[in-house]
PDB file of N, CA and C in Angstrom:
ATOM      1  N   MET A   1     -12.032  13.232 -26.307  1.00  0.00           N
ATOM      2  CA  MET A   1     -12.185  11.899 -25.786  1.00  0.00           C
ATOM      3  C   MET A   1     -12.063  11.977 -24.268  1.00  0.00           C
ATOM      4  N   GLU A   2     -13.089  11.547 -23.608  1.00  0.00           N
ATOM      5  CA  GLU A   2     -13.141  11.601 -22.154  1.00  0.00           C
ATOM      6  C   GLU A   2     -12.699  10.262 -21.574  1.00  0.00           C
ATOM      7  N   THR A   3     -12.055  10.298 -20.421  1.00  0.00           N
ATOM      8  CA  THR A   3     -11.688   9.062 -19.732  1.00  0.00           C
ATOM      9  C   THR A   3     -12.365   9.038 -18.366  1.00  0.00           C
ATOM     10  N   VAL A   4     -12.667   7.815 -17.933  1.00  0.00           N
ATOM     11  CA  VAL A   4     -13.324   7.639 -16.646  1.00  0.00           C
ATOM     12  C   VAL A   4     -12.869   6.301 -16.061  1.00  0.00           C
ATOM     13  N   SER A   5     -12.731   6.254 -14.750  1.00  0.00           N
ATOM     14  CA  SER A   5     -12.344   5.006 -14.102  1.00  0.00           C
ATOM     15  C   SER A   5     -13.549   4.061 -14.038  1.00  0.00           C
ATOM     16  N   LYS A   6     -13.270   2.784 -13.868  1.00  0.00           N
ATOM     17  CA  LYS A   6     -14.356   1.809 -13.769  1.00  0.00           C
ATOM     18  C   LYS A   6     -15.299   2.134 -12.617  1.00  0.00           C
ATOM     19  N   SER A   7     -14.742   2.514 -11.485  1.00  0.00           N
ATOM     20  CA  SER A   7     -15.584   2.801 -10.319  1.00  0.00           C
ATOM     21  C   SER A   7     -16.467   4.023 -10.551  1.00  0.00           C
ATOM     22  N   ALA A   8     -15.933   5.067 -11.179  1.00  0.00           N
ATOM     23  CA  ALA A   8     -16.740   6.257 -11.472  1.00  0.00           C
ATOM     24  C   ALA A   8     -17.808   5.936 -12.509  1.00  0.00           C
ATOM     25  N   LEU A   9     -17.468   5.098 -13.478  1.00  0.00           N
ATOM     26  CA  LEU A   9     -18.447   4.699 -14.488  1.00  0.00           C
ATOM     27  C   LEU A   9     -19.583   3.920 -13.841  1.00  0.00           C
ATOM     28  N   LYS A  10     -19.235   3.009 -12.947  1.00  0.00           N
ATOM     29  CA  LYS A  10     -20.255   2.204 -12.268  1.00  0.00           C
ATOM     30  C   LYS A  10     -21.232   3.085 -11.502  1.00  0.00           C
ATOM     31  N   ALA A  11     -20.737   4.113 -10.868  1.00  0.00           N
ATOM     32  CA  ALA A  11     -21.585   4.991 -10.064  1.00  0.00           C
ATOM     33  C   ALA A  11     -22.529   5.842 -10.915  1.00  0.00           C
ATOM     34  N   ARG A  12     -22.095   6.225 -12.138  1.00  0.00           N
ATOM     35  CA  ARG A  12     -22.897   7.138 -12.969  1.00  0.00           C
ATOM     36  C   ARG A  12     -22.971   6.652 -14.413  1.00  0.00           C
ATOM     37  N   MET A  13     -23.139   5.357 -14.600  1.00  0.00           N
ATOM     38  CA  MET A  13     -23.089   4.769 -15.929  1.00  0.00           C
ATOM     39  C   MET A  13     -24.116   5.361 -16.890  1.00  0.00           C
ATOM     40  N   LEU A  14     -25.363   5.480 -16.468  1.00  0.00           N
ATOM     41  CA  LEU A  14     -26.405   6.000 -17.347  1.00  0.00           C
ATOM     42  C   LEU A  14     -26.072   7.410 -17.823  1.00  0.00           C
ATOM     43  N   GLU A  15     -25.554   8.230 -16.946  1.00  0.00           N
ATOM     44  CA  GLU A  15     -25.162   9.597 -17.315  1.00  0.00           C
ATOM     45  C   GLU A  15     -24.079   9.578 -18.394  1.00  0.00           C
ATOM     46  N   TYR A  16     -23.062   8.729 -18.202  1.00  0.00           N
ATOM     47  CA  TYR A  16     -21.988   8.631 -19.200  1.00  0.00           C
ATOM     48  C   TYR A  16     -22.512   8.099 -20.533  1.00  0.00           C
ATOM     49  N   PHE A  17     -23.372   7.075 -20.478  1.00  0.00           N
ATOM     50  CA  PHE A  17     -23.917   6.517 -21.720  1.00  0.00           C
ATOM     51  C   PHE A  17     -24.741   7.548 -22.473  1.00  0.00           C
ATOM     52  N   ARG A  18     -25.536   8.320 -21.755  1.00  0.00           N
ATOM     53  CA  ARG A  18     -26.339   9.364 -22.420  1.00  0.00           C
ATOM     54  C   ARG A  18     -25.444  10.414 -23.062  1.00  0.00           C
ATOM     55  N   ARG A  19     -24.352  10.752 -22.396  1.00  0.00           N
ATOM     56  CA  ARG A  19     -23.421  11.737 -22.944  1.00  0.00           C
ATOM     57  C   ARG A  19     -22.789  11.224 -24.245  1.00  0.00           C
ATOM     58  N   VAL A  20     -22.404   9.954 -24.271  1.00  0.00           N
ATOM     59  CA  VAL A  20     -21.832   9.361 -25.485  1.00  0.00           C
ATOM     60  C   VAL A  20     -22.864   9.389 -26.603  1.00  0.00           C
ATOM     61  N   GLU A  21     -24.109   9.047 -26.282  1.00  0.00           N
ATOM     62  CA  GLU A  21     -25.184   9.082 -27.282  1.00  0.00           C
ATOM     63  C   GLU A  21     -25.399  10.479 -27.846  1.00  0.00           C
ATOM     64  N   GLU A  22     -25.447  11.471 -26.968  1.00  0.00           N
ATOM     65  CA  GLU A  22     -25.767  12.835 -27.385  1.00  0.00           C
ATOM     66  C   GLU A  22     -24.628  13.509 -28.142  1.00  0.00           C
ATOM     67  N   THR A  23     -23.398  13.319 -27.679  1.00  0.00           N
ATOM     68  CA  THR A  23     -22.275  14.028 -28.285  1.00  0.00           C
ATOM     69  C   THR A  23     -21.602  13.234 -29.398  1.00  0.00           C
ATOM     70  N   GLY A  24     -21.727  11.904 -29.353  1.00  0.00           N
ATOM     71  CA  GLY A  24     -21.035  11.077 -30.333  1.00  0.00           C
ATOM     72  C   GLY A  24     -19.570  10.882 -30.004  1.00  0.00           C
ATOM     73  N   GLU A  25     -19.123  11.439 -28.890  1.00  0.00           N
ATOM     74  CA  GLU A  25     -17.722  11.337 -28.498  1.00  0.00           C
ATOM     75  C   GLU A  25     -17.495  10.029 -27.750  1.00  0.00           C
ATOM     76  N   GLU A  26     -16.372   9.375 -28.036  1.00  0.00           N
ATOM     77  CA  GLU A  26     -16.097   8.109 -27.375  1.00  0.00           C
ATOM     78  C   GLU A  26     -15.654   8.325 -25.936  1.00  0.00           C
ATOM     79  N   LEU A  27     -15.793   7.276 -25.142  1.00  0.00           N
ATOM     80  CA  LEU A  27     -15.435   7.300 -23.737  1.00  0.00           C
ATOM     81  C   LEU A  27     -14.433   6.180 -23.488  1.00  0.00           C
ATOM     82  N   ILE A  28     -13.325   6.498 -22.852  1.00  0.00           N
ATOM     83  CA  ILE A  28     -12.308   5.505 -22.514  1.00  0.00           C
ATOM     84  C   ILE A  28     -12.444   5.167 -21.037  1.00  0.00           C
ATOM     85  N   VAL A  29     -12.560   3.888 -20.739  1.00  0.00           N
ATOM     86  CA  VAL A  29     -12.693   3.421 -19.359  1.00  0.00           C
ATOM     87  C   VAL A  29     -11.338   2.890 -18.912  1.00  0.00           C
ATOM     88  N   THR A  30     -10.920   3.310 -17.721  1.00  0.00           N
ATOM     89  CA  THR A  30      -9.606   2.916 -17.220  1.00  0.00           C
ATOM     90  C   THR A  30      -9.724   2.029 -15.984  1.00  0.00           C
ATOM     91  N   ASP A  31      -8.701   1.227 -15.788  1.00  0.00           N
ATOM     92  CA  ASP A  31      -8.572   0.403 -14.594  1.00  0.00           C
ATOM     93  C   ASP A  31      -7.169   0.642 -14.060  1.00  0.00           C
ATOM     94  N   HIS A  32      -7.075   1.294 -12.910  1.00  0.00           N
ATOM     95  CA  HIS A  32      -5.782   1.693 -12.339  1.00  0.00           C
ATOM     96  C   HIS A  32      -4.987   2.546 -13.338  1.00  0.00           C
ATOM     97  N   ASN A  33      -5.674   3.521 -13.926  1.00  0.00           N
ATOM     98  CA  ASN A  33      -5.103   4.476 -14.898  1.00  0.00           C
ATOM     99  C   ASN A  33      -4.635   3.838 -16.200  1.00  0.00           C
ATOM    100  N   ARG A  34      -5.045   2.614 -16.476  1.00  0.00           N
ATOM    101  CA  ARG A  34      -4.691   1.938 -17.723  1.00  0.00           C
ATOM    102  C   ARG A  34      -5.966   1.780 -18.552  1.00  0.00           C
ATOM    103  N   PRO A  35      -5.989   2.271 -19.801  1.00  0.00           N
ATOM    104  CA  PRO A  35      -7.195   2.139 -20.628  1.00  0.00           C
ATOM    105  C   PRO A  35      -7.515   0.668 -20.878  1.00  0.00           C
ATOM    106  N   VAL A  36      -8.780   0.303 -20.637  1.00  0.00           N
ATOM    107  CA  VAL A  36      -9.186  -1.090 -20.832  1.00  0.00           C
ATOM    108  C   VAL A  36     -10.407  -1.237 -21.734  1.00  0.00           C
ATOM    109  N   LEU A  37     -11.221  -0.210 -21.847  1.00  0.00           N
ATOM    110  CA  LEU A  37     -12.426  -0.275 -22.670  1.00  0.00           C
ATOM    111  C   LEU A  37     -12.631   1.029 -23.422  1.00  0.00           C
ATOM    112  N   ARG A  38     -13.278   0.904 -24.569  1.00  0.00           N
ATOM    113  CA  ARG A  38     -13.666   2.090 -25.336  1.00  0.00           C
ATOM    114  C   ARG A  38     -15.167   1.978 -25.589  1.00  0.00           C
ATOM    115  N   VAL A  39     -15.914   2.986 -25.185  1.00  0.00           N
ATOM    116  CA  VAL A  39     -17.353   3.030 -25.414  1.00  0.00           C
ATOM    117  C   VAL A  39     -17.594   4.019 -26.545  1.00  0.00           C
ATOM    118  N   VAL A  40     -18.173   3.535 -27.648  1.00  0.00           N
ATOM    119  CA  VAL A  40     -18.429   4.393 -28.805  1.00  0.00           C
ATOM    120  C   VAL A  40     -19.890   4.248 -29.222  1.00  0.00           C
ATOM    121  N   PRO A  41     -20.475   5.312 -29.748  1.00  0.00           N
ATOM    122  CA  PRO A  41     -21.860   5.211 -30.216  1.00  0.00           C
ATOM    123  C   PRO A  41     -21.928   4.426 -31.522  1.00  0.00           C
ATOM    124  N   ILE A  42     -23.036   3.757 -31.731  1.00  0.00           N
ATOM    125  CA  ILE A  42     -23.263   3.057 -32.996  1.00  0.00           C
ATOM    126  C   ILE A  42     -23.779   4.082 -33.991  1.00  0.00           C
ATOM    127  N   ARG A  43     -23.107   4.167 -35.092  1.00  0.00           N
ATOM    128  CA  ARG A  43     -23.517   5.130 -36.126  1.00  0.00           C
ATOM    129  C   ARG A  43     -24.171   4.379 -37.280  1.00  0.00           C
ATOM    130  N   ASP A  44     -25.166   5.019 -37.868  1.00  0.00           N
ATOM    131  CA  ASP A  44     -25.815   4.429 -39.034  1.00  0.00           C
ATOM    132  C   ASP A  44     -24.850   4.423 -40.199  1.00  0.00           C
ATOM    133  N   ARG A  45     -24.822   3.314 -40.910  1.00  0.00           N
ATOM    134  CA  ARG A  45     -23.962   3.227 -42.087  1.00  0.00           C
ATOM    135  C   ARG A  45     -24.673   3.838 -43.280  1.00  0.00           C
ATOM    136  N   VAL A  46     -23.921   4.593 -44.038  1.00  0.00           N
ATOM    137  CA  VAL A  46     -24.444   5.233 -45.232  1.00  0.00           C
ATOM    138  C   VAL A  46     -23.911   4.463 -46.429  1.00  0.00           C
ATOM    139  N   PRO A  47     -24.786   4.024 -47.342  1.00  0.00           N
ATOM    140  CA  PRO A  47     -24.303   3.304 -48.525  1.00  0.00           C
ATOM    141  C   PRO A  47     -23.343   4.178 -49.335  1.00  0.00           C
ATOM    142  N   ALA A  48     -22.338   3.541 -49.936  1.00  0.00           N
ATOM    143  CA  ALA A  48     -21.323   4.266 -50.705  1.00  0.00           C
ATOM    144  C   ALA A  48     -21.961   5.078 -51.830  1.00  0.00           C
ATOM    145  N   ALA A  49     -22.966   4.529 -52.483  1.00  0.00           N
ATOM    146  CA  ALA A  49     -23.627   5.249 -53.580  1.00  0.00           C
ATOM    147  C   ALA A  49     -24.224   6.565 -53.084  1.00  0.00           C
ATOM    148  N   GLU A  50     -24.774   6.540 -51.883  1.00  0.00           N
ATOM    149  CA  GLU A  50     -25.354   7.761 -51.320  1.00  0.00           C
ATOM    150  C   GLU A  50     -24.264   8.718 -50.836  1.00  0.00           C
ATOM    151  N   LEU A  51     -23.225   8.161 -50.259  1.00  0.00           N
ATOM    152  CA  LEU A  51     -22.141   8.965 -49.724  1.00  0.00           C
ATOM    153  C   LEU A  51     -21.427   9.762 -50.819  1.00  0.00           C
ATOM    154  N   PHE A  52     -21.212   9.138 -51.977  1.00  0.00           N
ATOM    155  CA  PHE A  52     -20.491   9.783 -53.074  1.00  0.00           C
ATOM    156  C   PHE A  52     -21.409  10.243 -54.206  1.00  0.00           C
ATOM    157  N   ALA A  53     -22.687  10.366 -53.946  1.00  0.00           N
ATOM    158  CA  ALA A  53     -23.658  10.736 -54.983  1.00  0.00           C
ATOM    159  C   ALA A  53     -23.333  12.070 -55.637  1.00  0.00           C
ATOM    160  N   ASP A  54     -22.855  13.044 -54.867  1.00  0.00           N
ATOM    161  CA  ASP A  54     -22.576  14.359 -55.446  1.00  0.00           C
ATOM    162  C   ASP A  54     -21.347  14.348 -56.348  1.00  0.00           C
ATOM    163  N   LEU A  55     -20.536  13.291 -56.310  1.00  0.00           N
ATOM    164  CA  LEU A  55     -19.355  13.190 -57.175  1.00  0.00           C
ATOM    165  C   LEU A  55     -19.607  12.378 -58.442  1.00  0.00           C
ATOM    166  N   ARG A  56     -20.752  11.728 -58.511  1.00  0.00           N
ATOM    167  CA  ARG A  56     -21.062  10.891 -59.666  1.00  0.00           C
ATOM    168  C   ARG A  56     -20.972  11.712 -60.958  1.00  0.00           C
ATOM    169  N   ASN A  57     -20.250  11.156 -61.934  1.00  0.00           N
ATOM    170  CA  ASN A  57     -20.033  11.764 -63.253  1.00  0.00           C
ATOM    171  C   ASN A  57     -19.199  13.042 -63.207  1.00  0.00           C
ATOM    172  N   LYS A  58     -18.476  13.266 -62.114  1.00  0.00           N
ATOM    173  CA  LYS A  58     -17.626  14.447 -62.012  1.00  0.00           C
ATOM    174  C   LYS A  58     -16.146  14.094 -61.950  1.00  0.00           C
ATOM    175  N   VAL A  59     -15.819  12.832 -61.722  1.00  0.00           N
ATOM    176  CA  VAL A  59     -14.430  12.413 -61.618  1.00  0.00           C
ATOM    177  C   VAL A  59     -13.974  11.923 -62.986  1.00  0.00           C
ATOM    178  N   VAL A  60     -12.832  12.443 -63.445  1.00  0.00           N
ATOM    179  CA  VAL A  60     -12.288  12.054 -64.748  1.00  0.00           C
ATOM    180  C   VAL A  60     -10.908  11.455 -64.521  1.00  0.00           C
ATOM    181  N   TYR A  61     -10.694  10.260 -65.073  1.00  0.00           N
ATOM    182  CA  TYR A  61      -9.408   9.585 -64.952  1.00  0.00           C
ATOM    183  C   TYR A  61      -8.852   9.461 -66.360  1.00  0.00           C
ATOM    184  N   HIS A  62      -7.647   9.998 -66.625  1.00  0.00           N
ATOM    185  CA  HIS A  62      -7.121  10.092 -67.974  1.00  0.00           C
ATOM    186  C   HIS A  62      -6.199   8.953 -68.380  1.00  0.00           C
ATOM    187  N   ALA A  63      -6.004   7.967 -67.543  1.00  0.00           N
ATOM    188  CA  ALA A  63      -5.145   6.826 -67.882  1.00  0.00           C
ATOM    189  C   ALA A  63      -5.994   5.569 -67.891  1.00  0.00           C
ATOM    190  N   ASP A  64      -5.384   4.475 -68.356  1.00  0.00           N
ATOM    191  CA  ASP A  64      -6.076   3.200 -68.368  1.00  0.00           C
ATOM    192  C   ASP A  64      -6.160   2.688 -66.929  1.00  0.00           C
ATOM    193  N   ILE A  65      -7.343   2.669 -66.389  1.00  0.00           N
ATOM    194  CA  ILE A  65      -7.513   2.298 -64.994  1.00  0.00           C
ATOM    195  C   ILE A  65      -7.195   0.822 -64.740  1.00  0.00           C
ATOM    196  N   LEU A  66      -7.235   0.010 -65.785  1.00  0.00           N
ATOM    197  CA  LEU A  66      -6.960  -1.413 -65.636  1.00  0.00           C
ATOM    198  C   LEU A  66      -5.503  -1.770 -65.905  1.00  0.00           C
ATOM    199  N   GLU A  67      -4.698  -0.794 -66.283  1.00  0.00           N
ATOM    200  CA  GLU A  67      -3.276  -1.046 -66.563  1.00  0.00           C
ATOM    201  C   GLU A  67      -2.551  -1.428 -65.273  1.00  0.00           C
ATOM    202  N   PRO A  68      -1.815  -2.556 -65.291  1.00  0.00           N
ATOM    203  CA  PRO A  68      -1.098  -2.957 -64.080  1.00  0.00           C
ATOM    204  C   PRO A  68       0.034  -1.987 -63.760  1.00  0.00           C
ATOM    205  N   THR A  69       0.319  -1.848 -62.507  1.00  0.00           N
ATOM    206  CA  THR A  69       1.418  -0.990 -62.095  1.00  0.00           C
ATOM    207  C   THR A  69       2.527  -1.844 -61.519  1.00  0.00           C
ATOM    208  N   THR A  70       3.749  -1.418 -61.740  1.00  0.00           N
ATOM    209  CA  THR A  70       4.888  -2.154 -61.203  1.00  0.00           C
ATOM    210  C   THR A  70       5.644  -1.313 -60.183  1.00  0.00           C
ATOM    211  N   GLU A  71       5.237  -0.070 -60.043  1.00  0.00           N
ATOM    212  CA  GLU A  71       5.894   0.802 -59.087  1.00  0.00           C
ATOM    213  C   GLU A  71       5.560   0.374 -57.659  1.00  0.00           C
ATOM    214  N   GLU A  72       6.558   0.447 -56.797  1.00  0.00           N
ATOM    215  CA  GLU A  72       6.319   0.168 -55.391  1.00  0.00           C
ATOM    216  C   GLU A  72       6.115   1.481 -54.667  1.00  0.00           C
ATOM    217  N   TRP A  73       5.260   1.454 -53.688  1.00  0.00           N
ATOM    218  CA  TRP A  73       5.031   2.645 -52.888  1.00  0.00           C
ATOM    219  C   TRP A  73       6.147   2.773 -51.878  1.00  0.00           C
ATOM    220  N   PRO A  74       6.553   3.996 -51.571  1.00  0.00           N
ATOM    221  CA  PRO A  74       7.613   4.170 -50.585  1.00  0.00           C
ATOM    222  C   PRO A  74       7.149   3.750 -49.198  1.00  0.00           C
ATOM    223  N   GLU A  75       8.080   3.213 -48.430  1.00  0.00           N
ATOM    224  CA  GLU A  75       7.741   2.833 -47.068  1.00  0.00           C
ATOM    225  C   GLU A  75       7.599   4.097 -46.227  1.00  0.00           C
ATOM    226  N   THR A  76       6.684   4.051 -45.289  1.00  0.00           N
ATOM    227  CA  THR A  76       6.494   5.222 -44.420  1.00  0.00           C
ATOM    228  C   THR A  76       6.995   4.956 -43.045  1.00  0.00           C
TER     229      THR A  76
END
């Protein structure tokens, strides 16, 4: 994750934007060394069916999936 000041970004904005596009790495913009903006590339969304297609019919669950649970999860 790269950081850049507002003034440096203003001077070379197109260069920074192209770098974010090409690498996919986010850019943090600072104002007086304080992070104020995050520039991230827009990624295409993949449908869940396509994302987990290779797992279809391979996952086996041996308990009643609809059975209510009363156990509490531990606090972290």
